[in-house]
Amino acid sequence: MCLAVPGKIMSIEGDDPLLRIGKVSFGGIVKEVNLAYVPEAKVDDYVLVHVGFAINTVDAEEAQKIFQYLKEIGDLEELEAKDSSGEESP
């Protein structure tokens, strides 16, 4: 199943809006994410990430709700397993 996963922007590199890359934390797993679709995003914002691209910003409360739903359906364990196996996760 493909879905967008919320993550918190820890840092941002680059000035060009099309090439900005953010280091995004997904509950402790940190990945580089393209921020071209969310030019308004800044450090400490939460973003929804799908296949390596932040597609929208969300508030912290909404991000926590989504994390809770993912825990309930068991998808967080799947993401963590993919990360530890070397496969790319969000």
Protein backbone atom coordinates (compact mmCIF):
# COMPACT_ATOMS: atom_id res chain seq x y z
CA MET A 1 0.00 0.00 0.00
CA CYS A 2 1.32 3.44 -0.87
CA LEU A 3 0.50 6.29 1.44
CA ALA A 4 1.88 9.56 2.61
CA VAL A 5 3.62 9.49 5.97
CA PRO A 6 4.05 12.52 8.24
CA GLY A 7 7.52 13.62 9.26
CA LYS A 8 9.11 16.57 11.02
CA ILE A 9 11.61 18.72 9.12
CA MET A 10 14.87 18.77 11.07
CA SER A 11 16.94 20.85 8.61
CA ILE A 12 16.77 22.31 5.11
CA GLU A 13 19.51 22.65 2.49
CA GLY A 14 19.44 24.71 -0.69
CA ASP A 15 18.01 28.07 -1.72
CA ASP A 16 16.48 27.11 -5.07
CA PRO A 17 12.79 26.28 -4.42
CA LEU A 18 12.95 23.34 -6.85
CA LEU A 19 16.06 21.84 -5.30
CA ARG A 20 15.43 22.29 -1.57
CA ILE A 21 16.07 19.13 0.40
CA GLY A 22 14.95 18.59 3.96
CA LYS A 23 16.16 16.09 6.51
CA VAL A 24 12.87 14.74 7.81
CA SER A 25 12.38 12.58 10.89
CA PHE A 26 9.76 9.84 10.79
CA GLY A 27 9.60 8.86 14.44
CA GLY A 28 13.39 8.62 14.67
CA ILE A 29 14.16 7.45 11.12
CA VAL A 30 15.69 10.39 9.23
CA LYS A 31 15.46 10.61 5.43
CA GLU A 32 16.23 13.27 2.84
CA VAL A 33 13.04 14.58 1.22
CA ASN A 34 12.47 16.90 -1.74
CA LEU A 35 10.57 20.03 -0.62
CA ALA A 36 9.76 21.47 -4.08
CA TYR A 37 5.99 20.99 -3.62
CA VAL A 38 5.93 22.78 -0.25
CA PRO A 39 7.93 26.00 -0.67
CA GLU A 40 6.35 27.39 2.50
CA ALA A 41 7.72 24.55 4.67
CA LYS A 42 10.34 25.42 7.26
CA VAL A 43 12.34 23.68 10.00
CA ASP A 44 10.09 22.13 12.70
CA ASP A 45 7.09 21.93 10.33
CA TYR A 46 5.42 18.58 9.72
CA VAL A 47 5.02 17.43 6.13
CA LEU A 48 3.28 14.51 4.45
CA VAL A 49 5.82 12.57 2.40
CA HIS A 50 5.09 10.25 -0.50
CA VAL A 51 7.89 8.53 -2.47
CA GLY A 52 10.52 11.01 -1.32
CA PHE A 53 8.52 14.19 -1.93
CA ALA A 54 6.81 16.33 0.69
CA ILE A 55 3.34 16.87 -0.77
CA ASN A 56 1.67 18.95 1.94
CA THR A 57 2.26 20.49 5.34
CA VAL A 58 0.21 19.43 8.38
CA ASP A 59 0.05 20.66 11.93
CA ALA A 60 1.64 18.67 14.76
CA GLU A 61 -1.72 17.42 16.06
CA GLU A 62 -2.71 16.03 12.67
CA ALA A 63 0.71 14.38 12.27
CA GLN A 64 0.31 12.65 15.65
CA LYS A 65 -3.16 11.39 14.67
CA ILE A 66 -1.76 9.91 11.47
CA PHE A 67 1.11 8.24 13.38
CA GLN A 68 -1.46 6.74 15.77
CA TYR A 69 -3.56 5.39 12.87
CA LEU A 70 -0.45 3.88 11.26
CA LYS A 71 0.47 2.20 14.56
CA GLU A 72 -3.05 0.79 14.86
CA ILE A 73 -2.96 -0.79 11.41
CA GLY A 74 0.64 -1.96 11.78
CA ASP A 75 2.16 0.11 8.97
CA LEU A 76 4.81 1.79 11.16
CA GLU A 77 6.45 -1.59 11.79
CA GLU A 78 6.47 -2.19 8.03
CA LEU A 79 8.24 1.13 7.44
CA GLU A 80 10.81 0.42 10.15
CA ALA A 81 11.42 -3.07 8.74
CA LYS A 82 12.01 -1.66 5.24
CA ASP A 83 14.45 0.89 6.64
CA SER A 84 16.50 -1.72 8.50
CA SER A 85 16.53 -4.05 5.46
CA GLY A 86 18.14 -1.36 3.32
CA GLU A 87 15.07 -0.67 1.22
CA GLU A 88 14.04 2.92 0.74
CA SER A 89 11.25 4.17 3.00
CA PRO A 90 9.45 7.55 2.74
